[in-house]
Every structure is written in structure tokens, then in C-alpha cells.
Amino acid sequence: MHFCVIKSKTIRIFLAMVLVMVLLAISINGTTSASVYFGYSTRKVPIYNVETTEKQVAISFDAAWGADKTQGIIEILKEFDVTATFFLVGFWVDDYPEMTKAIADAGYEIGTHSNTHPDMAKLDKNTTRSELETSISKIKSVTGKDVKLFRAPFGSYNNTLLETAEELSLKTIQWDVDSLDWKGLSAGEMAGRVTSKVKNGSIILMHNNSDNILDGLRLILNKLKVQGYKITSISELVYQDNYTVDRNGIQHKN
């Protein structure tokens, strides 16, 4: 009798594990639930980088304060014949509508970086939705283009934020290579940091008005090209559907 009780308990545990595995394999909005829920945790994760055999990386610029160097960035990107993604805060669009349009007209992708640059992990769902919808509306009114990407201010996120972004058909994007340009690094330090950490599928974080951004960007693009990398916008790098995102934020093609 004791053996039967133990065996029955073992069978129940096994069946429960099978059920969990089945649920993880069920498709949710074109991805599997493993891309949303990992392990036994229900914490969601954005895309930090992409698993790919192609020697391709994406470069991105966050814009919240100042625009003095943005035109210079556009010219350098054109000089190296590469694409890029700019994440704009709503109040930056208010202050610099002509520069916002210049970015779009030059063919560069624009995502939202919120409307007022708060720590959005501390906001309730309604305020979170307002932050995203307001900034999207501002960008679209200036550029006439849809917004498909979102980057959280300070890289701070929680389930509510990621769920709300998903409801608005936004992919939430982090980064795996931080140039640390905002710390005032020299152009050489910046380039050395990026090129030592970059790999296939990396997403590089930079800022549009940081110290030494122009010299640093030129050095970075030159070094990446010498290393054989194709440099693109984020939407050109990430998979658009039929993918999973693992617990480390790596996007995998199914």
C-alpha cells in the first residue's frame, strides 16, 4: 500500500510537468509562451539581442535632451551608408519637430522612448498607456510613419509595461552593448568598449547629444566595418514573427 501511494504521487508530479511543458509550447501572438514566461517565473523580458549567424548588428540612439549633434549623426550615418534607429521622447519631438522630421526623411527608423522619460516601472497601467500613446501620436504627426518599437527610459521595465507595449503592437527593445557615451568617454574609449563587446545580433546603445558622440560614432562605424559587420536599424535585425525570447532577452527564430 505504501508503494502504491508513492507511485501515485510520482505519476501526478510527472503529469503536472508534462502539462507545464505543453502550456509553454502553446503559441501566443505569433511567439510561444516561453518567450513571455520563462522557467517558473512570470517575469517578462524585452529583446536585448538576436541569435543569428549573420555578422549583423543594430545601432541605436536615445534622444531626450538636446539636439545639437543630431544632424552630425545623420551625416556620419550617410557617410558610412548604414541605417540606424532613434528612440525619441515625446517632449524632444515637441522641442525639435524639424529634427524629428529630418531623421525620418533621411530614412532612419524612429521608436518611442516614452513621452516624459519617467521610470515607467513605477507607473500604473493607465499612465503607462498614456505615456506610450501620447509619444506615438507626436512622432506620427510629425513623420507620418507608424511607430513599432519602444525603449524604456533607464532600461527600467516590469510586466505591466511590457504587456501594455504589446497591446499597442510595440516590440520593447533593450541593448546588450552600452557605449557609455553618456559618461563622457573619449571617442577612443567609446569605440574600444563597443568593438570589444559586440557580437552577431548585438544592439548598441548610444545617445544623440552625448560628449564626443560624433568622433566616437565615426570610429565605431569604421571599426565595425573593418570587422565585417553589417550595421542596420533594429527592425532590420530582429525577427518580426515566429520567434521566442529566452530568459536572457535573446531573441531566437523558431
C-alpha atoms as a PDB file:
ATOM      1  CA  MET A   1       0.000   0.000   0.000  1.00  0.00           C
ATOM      2  CA  HIS A   2       2.832   2.432   0.851  1.00  0.00           C
ATOM      3  CA  PHE A   3       4.445   1.712  -2.530  1.00  0.00           C
ATOM      4  CA  CYS A   4       1.173   2.485  -4.344  1.00  0.00           C
ATOM      5  CA  VAL A   5       0.856   5.866  -2.604  1.00  0.00           C
ATOM      6  CA  ILE A   6       4.404   6.844  -3.568  1.00  0.00           C
ATOM      7  CA  LYS A   7       3.880   5.669  -7.128  1.00  0.00           C
ATOM      8  CA  SER A   8       0.613   7.588  -7.429  1.00  0.00           C
ATOM      9  CA  LYS A   9       2.288  10.767  -6.181  1.00  0.00           C
ATOM     10  CA  THR A  10       5.147  10.321  -8.671  1.00  0.00           C
ATOM     11  CA  ILE A  11       2.683   9.929 -11.531  1.00  0.00           C
ATOM     12  CA  ARG A  12       0.858  13.121 -10.517  1.00  0.00           C
ATOM     13  CA  ILE A  13       4.116  15.079 -10.440  1.00  0.00           C
ATOM     14  CA  PHE A  14       5.083  13.718 -13.853  1.00  0.00           C
ATOM     15  CA  LEU A  15       1.708  14.641 -15.352  1.00  0.00           C
ATOM     16  CA  ALA A  16       1.974  18.156 -13.896  1.00  0.00           C
ATOM     17  CA  MET A  17       5.392  18.598 -15.504  1.00  0.00           C
ATOM     18  CA  VAL A  18       4.028  17.438 -18.857  1.00  0.00           C
ATOM     19  CA  LEU A  19       1.181  19.941 -18.573  1.00  0.00           C
ATOM     20  CA  VAL A  20       3.634  22.777 -17.911  1.00  0.00           C
ATOM     21  CA  MET A  21       5.681  21.804 -20.970  1.00  0.00           C
ATOM     22  CA  VAL A  22       2.552  21.734 -23.144  1.00  0.00           C
ATOM     23  CA  LEU A  23       1.466  25.168 -21.933  1.00  0.00           C
ATOM     24  CA  LEU A  24       4.899  26.584 -22.705  1.00  0.00           C
ATOM     25  CA  ALA A  25       4.596  25.324 -26.263  1.00  0.00           C
ATOM     26  CA  ILE A  26       1.251  26.999 -26.906  1.00  0.00           C
ATOM     27  CA  SER A  27       1.562  29.925 -29.315  1.00  0.00           C
ATOM     28  CA  ILE A  28       0.783  33.419 -28.040  1.00  0.00           C
ATOM     29  CA  ASN A  29       0.526  36.212 -30.651  1.00  0.00           C
ATOM     30  CA  GLY A  30       2.992  34.592 -33.031  1.00  0.00           C
ATOM     31  CA  THR A  31       5.516  33.701 -30.334  1.00  0.00           C
ATOM     32  CA  THR A  32       5.498  30.867 -27.828  1.00  0.00           C
ATOM     33  CA  SER A  33       4.692  31.369 -24.201  1.00  0.00           C
ATOM     34  CA  ALA A  34       8.303  30.541 -23.407  1.00  0.00           C
ATOM     35  CA  SER A  35       9.110  33.930 -24.932  1.00  0.00           C
ATOM     36  CA  VAL A  36       6.848  35.523 -22.367  1.00  0.00           C
ATOM     37  CA  TYR A  37       7.202  33.269 -19.346  1.00  0.00           C
ATOM     38  CA  PHE A  38      10.485  31.532 -18.578  1.00  0.00           C
ATOM     39  CA  GLY A  39      11.235  28.849 -16.041  1.00  0.00           C
ATOM     40  CA  TYR A  40       8.730  29.054 -13.216  1.00  0.00           C
ATOM     41  CA  SER A  41       8.769  32.842 -13.179  1.00  0.00           C
ATOM     42  CA  THR A  42       6.159  35.043 -14.831  1.00  0.00           C
ATOM     43  CA  ARG A  43       8.521  37.953 -15.389  1.00  0.00           C
ATOM     44  CA  LYS A  44       8.570  39.207 -18.960  1.00  0.00           C
ATOM     45  CA  VAL A  45      11.709  40.304 -20.775  1.00  0.00           C
ATOM     46  CA  PRO A  46      12.313  42.606 -23.754  1.00  0.00           C
ATOM     47  CA  ILE A  47      14.699  41.927 -26.633  1.00  0.00           C
ATOM     48  CA  TYR A  48      18.342  42.531 -25.701  1.00  0.00           C
ATOM     49  CA  ASN A  49      19.960  40.946 -28.757  1.00  0.00           C
ATOM     50  CA  VAL A  50      19.290  38.463 -31.544  1.00  0.00           C
ATOM     51  CA  GLU A  51      20.626  34.977 -32.126  1.00  0.00           C
ATOM     52  CA  THR A  52      21.907  34.968 -35.704  1.00  0.00           C
ATOM     53  CA  THR A  53      24.741  33.502 -37.746  1.00  0.00           C
ATOM     54  CA  GLU A  54      24.847  36.674 -39.834  1.00  0.00           C
ATOM     55  CA  LYS A  55      27.512  39.224 -38.984  1.00  0.00           C
ATOM     56  CA  GLN A  56      24.936  41.948 -38.404  1.00  0.00           C
ATOM     57  CA  VAL A  57      24.383  44.440 -35.579  1.00  0.00           C
ATOM     58  CA  ALA A  58      21.963  47.300 -34.958  1.00  0.00           C
ATOM     59  CA  ILE A  59      22.914  50.747 -33.735  1.00  0.00           C
ATOM     60  CA  SER A  60      20.503  52.960 -31.813  1.00  0.00           C
ATOM     61  CA  PHE A  61      20.370  56.461 -30.356  1.00  0.00           C
ATOM     62  CA  ASP A  62      18.196  57.642 -27.465  1.00  0.00           C
ATOM     63  CA  ALA A  63      17.131  61.282 -27.662  1.00  0.00           C
ATOM     64  CA  ALA A  64      15.737  63.087 -24.635  1.00  0.00           C
ATOM     65  CA  TRP A  65      17.753  66.291 -24.123  1.00  0.00           C
ATOM     66  CA  GLY A  66      19.474  68.447 -26.700  1.00  0.00           C
ATOM     67  CA  ALA A  67      19.797  68.115 -30.462  1.00  0.00           C
ATOM     68  CA  ASP A  68      22.979  69.989 -31.356  1.00  0.00           C
ATOM     69  CA  LYS A  69      24.763  66.909 -32.680  1.00  0.00           C
ATOM     70  CA  THR A  70      21.852  65.063 -34.279  1.00  0.00           C
ATOM     71  CA  GLN A  71      22.400  66.432 -37.770  1.00  0.00           C
ATOM     72  CA  GLY A  72      26.044  65.438 -37.479  1.00  0.00           C
ATOM     73  CA  ILE A  73      24.978  61.894 -36.588  1.00  0.00           C
ATOM     74  CA  ILE A  74      22.754  61.758 -39.661  1.00  0.00           C
ATOM     75  CA  GLU A  75      25.618  62.902 -41.874  1.00  0.00           C
ATOM     76  CA  ILE A  76      28.018  60.310 -40.440  1.00  0.00           C
ATOM     77  CA  LEU A  77      25.473  57.526 -40.895  1.00  0.00           C
ATOM     78  CA  LYS A  78      25.073  58.594 -44.513  1.00  0.00           C
ATOM     79  CA  GLU A  79      28.833  58.768 -44.944  1.00  0.00           C
ATOM     80  CA  PHE A  80      29.164  55.129 -43.870  1.00  0.00           C
ATOM     81  CA  ASP A  81      25.980  54.101 -45.720  1.00  0.00           C
ATOM     82  CA  VAL A  82      24.366  52.456 -42.687  1.00  0.00           C
ATOM     83  CA  THR A  83      20.905  52.545 -41.168  1.00  0.00           C
ATOM     84  CA  ALA A  84      20.012  53.102 -37.510  1.00  0.00           C
ATOM     85  CA  THR A  85      17.160  53.502 -35.041  1.00  0.00           C
ATOM     86  CA  PHE A  86      16.387  56.615 -32.990  1.00  0.00           C
ATOM     87  CA  PHE A  87      14.262  56.380 -29.831  1.00  0.00           C
ATOM     88  CA  LEU A  88      12.653  59.770 -29.219  1.00  0.00           C
ATOM     89  CA  VAL A  89      10.980  61.104 -26.075  1.00  0.00           C
ATOM     90  CA  GLY A  90       7.721  62.949 -26.702  1.00  0.00           C
ATOM     91  CA  PHE A  91       8.926  66.246 -25.255  1.00  0.00           C
ATOM     92  CA  TRP A  92      12.019  66.019 -27.506  1.00  0.00           C
ATOM     93  CA  VAL A  93       9.695  65.762 -30.500  1.00  0.00           C
ATOM     94  CA  ASP A  94       7.836  68.832 -29.179  1.00  0.00           C
ATOM     95  CA  ASP A  95      11.090  70.774 -28.887  1.00  0.00           C
ATOM     96  CA  TYR A  96      12.673  69.571 -32.137  1.00  0.00           C
ATOM     97  CA  PRO A  97       9.957  68.722 -34.681  1.00  0.00           C
ATOM     98  CA  GLU A  98      12.158  69.727 -37.620  1.00  0.00           C
ATOM     99  CA  MET A  99      14.964  67.433 -36.445  1.00  0.00           C
ATOM    100  CA  THR A 100      12.452  64.631 -35.871  1.00  0.00           C
ATOM    101  CA  LYS A 101      11.297  65.034 -39.461  1.00  0.00           C
ATOM    102  CA  ALA A 102      14.901  65.196 -40.680  1.00  0.00           C
ATOM    103  CA  ILE A 103      15.629  61.828 -39.051  1.00  0.00           C
ATOM    104  CA  ALA A 104      12.598  60.265 -40.695  1.00  0.00           C
ATOM    105  CA  ASP A 105      13.219  61.915 -44.071  1.00  0.00           C
ATOM    106  CA  ALA A 106      16.789  60.571 -44.031  1.00  0.00           C
ATOM    107  CA  GLY A 107      15.311  57.078 -43.837  1.00  0.00           C
ATOM    108  CA  TYR A 108      16.130  56.230 -40.232  1.00  0.00           C
ATOM    109  CA  GLU A 109      13.744  54.320 -38.023  1.00  0.00           C
ATOM    110  CA  ILE A 110      12.067  56.095 -35.108  1.00  0.00           C
ATOM    111  CA  GLY A 111      10.787  54.376 -31.972  1.00  0.00           C
ATOM    112  CA  THR A 112       9.281  55.831 -28.819  1.00  0.00           C
ATOM    113  CA  HIS A 113      11.293  56.407 -25.664  1.00  0.00           C
ATOM    114  CA  SER A 114       8.134  57.438 -23.703  1.00  0.00           C
ATOM    115  CA  ASN A 115       6.530  60.863 -23.557  1.00  0.00           C
ATOM    116  CA  THR A 116       8.133  62.390 -20.446  1.00  0.00           C
ATOM    117  CA  HIS A 117      11.026  59.982 -19.671  1.00  0.00           C
ATOM    118  CA  PRO A 118       9.787  58.656 -16.306  1.00  0.00           C
ATOM    119  CA  ASP A 119      10.736  55.380 -14.636  1.00  0.00           C
ATOM    120  CA  MET A 120       7.841  53.527 -16.218  1.00  0.00           C
ATOM    121  CA  ALA A 121       8.173  50.503 -13.960  1.00  0.00           C
ATOM    122  CA  LYS A 122       6.725  52.735 -11.235  1.00  0.00           C
ATOM    123  CA  LEU A 123       3.637  53.784 -13.223  1.00  0.00           C
ATOM    124  CA  ASP A 124       0.162  52.260 -13.209  1.00  0.00           C
ATOM    125  CA  LYS A 125      -1.220  50.773 -16.405  1.00  0.00           C
ATOM    126  CA  ASN A 126      -3.327  53.787 -17.430  1.00  0.00           C
ATOM    127  CA  THR A 127      -0.416  56.203 -17.036  1.00  0.00           C
ATOM    128  CA  THR A 128       1.869  53.781 -18.856  1.00  0.00           C
ATOM    129  CA  ARG A 129      -0.547  53.546 -21.771  1.00  0.00           C
ATOM    130  CA  SER A 130      -0.880  57.335 -21.903  1.00  0.00           C
ATOM    131  CA  GLU A 131       2.918  57.746 -21.989  1.00  0.00           C
ATOM    132  CA  LEU A 132       3.168  55.409 -24.970  1.00  0.00           C
ATOM    133  CA  GLU A 133       0.103  56.568 -26.883  1.00  0.00           C
ATOM    134  CA  THR A 134       0.952  60.271 -26.490  1.00  0.00           C
ATOM    135  CA  SER A 135       4.521  59.841 -27.677  1.00  0.00           C
ATOM    136  CA  ILE A 136       3.440  57.651 -30.604  1.00  0.00           C
ATOM    137  CA  SER A 137       0.898  60.256 -31.649  1.00  0.00           C
ATOM    138  CA  LYS A 138       3.501  63.031 -31.557  1.00  0.00           C
ATOM    139  CA  ILE A 139       6.012  61.074 -33.636  1.00  0.00           C
ATOM    140  CA  LYS A 140       3.405  60.030 -36.187  1.00  0.00           C
ATOM    141  CA  SER A 141       2.015  63.562 -36.524  1.00  0.00           C
ATOM    142  CA  VAL A 142       5.490  64.858 -37.451  1.00  0.00           C
ATOM    143  CA  THR A 143       6.760  61.951 -39.554  1.00  0.00           C
ATOM    144  CA  GLY A 144       3.581  60.390 -40.892  1.00  0.00           C
ATOM    145  CA  LYS A 145       5.033  56.970 -40.040  1.00  0.00           C
ATOM    146  CA  ASP A 146       3.891  54.239 -37.677  1.00  0.00           C
ATOM    147  CA  VAL A 147       5.887  53.521 -34.533  1.00  0.00           C
ATOM    148  CA  LYS A 148       6.739  49.861 -33.959  1.00  0.00           C
ATOM    149  CA  LEU A 149       9.489  49.934 -31.328  1.00  0.00           C
ATOM    150  CA  PHE A 150       9.761  51.104 -27.725  1.00  0.00           C
ATOM    151  CA  ARG A 151      12.709  51.516 -25.388  1.00  0.00           C
ATOM    152  CA  ALA A 152      12.035  52.071 -21.698  1.00  0.00           C
ATOM    153  CA  PRO A 153      13.694  55.077 -20.037  1.00  0.00           C
ATOM    154  CA  PHE A 154      16.616  53.975 -17.843  1.00  0.00           C
ATOM    155  CA  GLY A 155      16.064  50.453 -19.193  1.00  0.00           C
ATOM    156  CA  SER A 156      13.546  50.006 -16.354  1.00  0.00           C
ATOM    157  CA  TYR A 157      10.597  47.703 -17.038  1.00  0.00           C
ATOM    158  CA  ASN A 158       8.073  45.339 -15.493  1.00  0.00           C
ATOM    159  CA  ASN A 159       5.276  43.076 -16.715  1.00  0.00           C
ATOM    160  CA  THR A 160       2.707  45.883 -16.830  1.00  0.00           C
ATOM    161  CA  LEU A 161       4.932  47.964 -19.096  1.00  0.00           C
ATOM    162  CA  LEU A 162       5.753  45.127 -21.476  1.00  0.00           C
ATOM    163  CA  GLU A 163       2.148  43.941 -21.614  1.00  0.00           C
ATOM    164  CA  THR A 164       0.931  47.470 -22.399  1.00  0.00           C
ATOM    165  CA  ALA A 165       3.555  47.852 -25.120  1.00  0.00           C
ATOM    166  CA  GLU A 166       2.445  44.541 -26.630  1.00  0.00           C
ATOM    167  CA  GLU A 167      -1.173  45.732 -26.629  1.00  0.00           C
ATOM    168  CA  LEU A 168      -0.026  48.699 -28.720  1.00  0.00           C
ATOM    169  CA  SER A 169       1.860  46.364 -31.117  1.00  0.00           C
ATOM    170  CA  LEU A 170       5.236  47.619 -29.894  1.00  0.00           C
ATOM    171  CA  LYS A 171       8.343  45.494 -29.535  1.00  0.00           C
ATOM    172  CA  THR A 172      10.239  46.507 -26.399  1.00  0.00           C
ATOM    173  CA  ILE A 173      13.959  46.807 -27.112  1.00  0.00           C
ATOM    174  CA  GLN A 174      16.863  46.878 -24.677  1.00  0.00           C
ATOM    175  CA  TRP A 175      20.546  46.551 -25.627  1.00  0.00           C
ATOM    176  CA  ASP A 176      23.487  44.274 -24.951  1.00  0.00           C
ATOM    177  CA  VAL A 177      26.268  46.758 -25.793  1.00  0.00           C
ATOM    178  CA  ASP A 178      26.273  50.073 -23.926  1.00  0.00           C
ATOM    179  CA  SER A 179      28.720  52.595 -25.375  1.00  0.00           C
ATOM    180  CA  LEU A 180      28.618  54.515 -22.056  1.00  0.00           C
ATOM    181  CA  ASP A 181      28.862  57.667 -24.158  1.00  0.00           C
ATOM    182  CA  TRP A 182      26.709  59.406 -21.523  1.00  0.00           C
ATOM    183  CA  LYS A 183      29.610  59.087 -19.067  1.00  0.00           C
ATOM    184  CA  GLY A 184      31.762  61.411 -21.147  1.00  0.00           C
ATOM    185  CA  LEU A 185      34.088  58.728 -22.503  1.00  0.00           C
ATOM    186  CA  SER A 186      36.580  59.779 -25.151  1.00  0.00           C
ATOM    187  CA  ALA A 187      35.956  58.707 -28.727  1.00  0.00           C
ATOM    188  CA  GLY A 188      38.670  56.056 -28.439  1.00  0.00           C
ATOM    189  CA  GLU A 189      37.336  54.691 -25.144  1.00  0.00           C
ATOM    190  CA  MET A 190      33.841  54.555 -26.566  1.00  0.00           C
ATOM    191  CA  ALA A 191      34.942  52.729 -29.706  1.00  0.00           C
ATOM    192  CA  GLY A 192      37.118  50.317 -27.761  1.00  0.00           C
ATOM    193  CA  ARG A 193      34.276  49.439 -25.443  1.00  0.00           C
ATOM    194  CA  VAL A 194      31.763  48.814 -28.250  1.00  0.00           C
ATOM    195  CA  THR A 195      34.045  46.820 -30.534  1.00  0.00           C
ATOM    196  CA  SER A 196      35.287  44.625 -27.672  1.00  0.00           C
ATOM    197  CA  LYS A 197      31.758  43.655 -26.615  1.00  0.00           C
ATOM    198  CA  VAL A 198      29.862  43.469 -29.904  1.00  0.00           C
ATOM    199  CA  LYS A 199      28.892  40.137 -31.477  1.00  0.00           C
ATOM    200  CA  ASN A 200      26.475  38.852 -34.118  1.00  0.00           C
ATOM    201  CA  GLY A 201      22.998  40.171 -33.324  1.00  0.00           C
ATOM    202  CA  SER A 202      24.090  42.870 -30.879  1.00  0.00           C
ATOM    203  CA  ILE A 203      22.038  46.006 -30.246  1.00  0.00           C
ATOM    204  CA  ILE A 204      24.269  49.004 -29.494  1.00  0.00           C
ATOM    205  CA  LEU A 205      23.086  51.849 -27.257  1.00  0.00           C
ATOM    206  CA  MET A 206      24.219  55.422 -27.872  1.00  0.00           C
ATOM    207  CA  HIS A 207      22.777  58.889 -27.226  1.00  0.00           C
ATOM    208  CA  ASN A 208      22.205  61.677 -29.704  1.00  0.00           C
ATOM    209  CA  ASN A 209      23.781  64.508 -27.733  1.00  0.00           C
ATOM    210  CA  SER A 210      26.478  62.893 -25.608  1.00  0.00           C
ATOM    211  CA  ASP A 211      30.013  64.212 -25.340  1.00  0.00           C
ATOM    212  CA  ASN A 212      32.280  63.002 -28.142  1.00  0.00           C
ATOM    213  CA  ILE A 213      29.407  61.202 -29.886  1.00  0.00           C
ATOM    214  CA  LEU A 214      30.404  62.383 -33.369  1.00  0.00           C
ATOM    215  CA  ASP A 215      34.049  61.352 -33.187  1.00  0.00           C
ATOM    216  CA  GLY A 216      33.097  58.204 -31.293  1.00  0.00           C
ATOM    217  CA  LEU A 217      30.445  57.206 -33.814  1.00  0.00           C
ATOM    218  CA  ARG A 218      32.820  57.625 -36.727  1.00  0.00           C
ATOM    219  CA  LEU A 219      35.426  55.443 -35.021  1.00  0.00           C
ATOM    220  CA  ILE A 220      32.856  52.792 -34.089  1.00  0.00           C
ATOM    221  CA  LEU A 221      31.386  52.557 -37.574  1.00  0.00           C
ATOM    222  CA  ASN A 222      34.821  52.364 -39.142  1.00  0.00           C
ATOM    223  CA  LYS A 223      35.966  49.597 -36.760  1.00  0.00           C
ATOM    224  CA  LEU A 224      32.754  47.599 -37.170  1.00  0.00           C
ATOM    225  CA  LYS A 225      33.021  47.792 -40.943  1.00  0.00           C
ATOM    226  CA  VAL A 226      36.643  46.632 -40.801  1.00  0.00           C
ATOM    227  CA  GLN A 227      35.497  43.715 -38.646  1.00  0.00           C
ATOM    228  CA  GLY A 228      32.996  42.811 -41.353  1.00  0.00           C
ATOM    229  CA  TYR A 229      29.766  43.753 -39.605  1.00  0.00           C
ATOM    230  CA  LYS A 230      26.661  44.904 -41.445  1.00  0.00           C
ATOM    231  CA  ILE A 231      25.162  47.793 -39.464  1.00  0.00           C
ATOM    232  CA  THR A 232      21.391  48.205 -39.597  1.00  0.00           C
ATOM    233  CA  SER A 233      18.320  49.511 -37.846  1.00  0.00           C
ATOM    234  CA  ILE A 234      16.758  47.387 -35.123  1.00  0.00           C
ATOM    235  CA  SER A 235      13.766  46.350 -37.232  1.00  0.00           C
ATOM    236  CA  GLU A 236      16.154  45.060 -39.881  1.00  0.00           C
ATOM    237  CA  LEU A 237      17.902  42.955 -37.237  1.00  0.00           C
ATOM    238  CA  VAL A 238      15.099  41.495 -35.118  1.00  0.00           C
ATOM    239  CA  TYR A 239      12.707  38.746 -36.197  1.00  0.00           C
ATOM    240  CA  GLN A 240       9.226  40.108 -36.814  1.00  0.00           C
ATOM    241  CA  ASP A 241       7.263  36.937 -36.081  1.00  0.00           C
ATOM    242  CA  ASN A 242       7.570  33.258 -35.208  1.00  0.00           C
ATOM    243  CA  TYR A 243      10.206  33.810 -32.534  1.00  0.00           C
ATOM    244  CA  THR A 244      10.893  33.279 -28.855  1.00  0.00           C
ATOM    245  CA  VAL A 245      12.772  35.422 -26.353  1.00  0.00           C
ATOM    246  CA  ASP A 246      14.671  33.497 -23.697  1.00  0.00           C
ATOM    247  CA  ARG A 247      15.200  34.451 -20.060  1.00  0.00           C
ATOM    248  CA  ASN A 248      18.317  36.447 -21.002  1.00  0.00           C
ATOM    249  CA  GLY A 249      16.479  38.557 -23.564  1.00  0.00           C
ATOM    250  CA  ILE A 250      17.970  36.782 -26.585  1.00  0.00           C
ATOM    251  CA  GLN A 251      15.547  36.561 -29.486  1.00  0.00           C
ATOM    252  CA  HIS A 252      15.536  33.203 -31.286  1.00  0.00           C
ATOM    253  CA  LYS A 253      13.921  32.287 -34.591  1.00  0.00           C
ATOM    254  CA  ASN A 254      11.597  29.288 -34.259  1.00  0.00           C
END
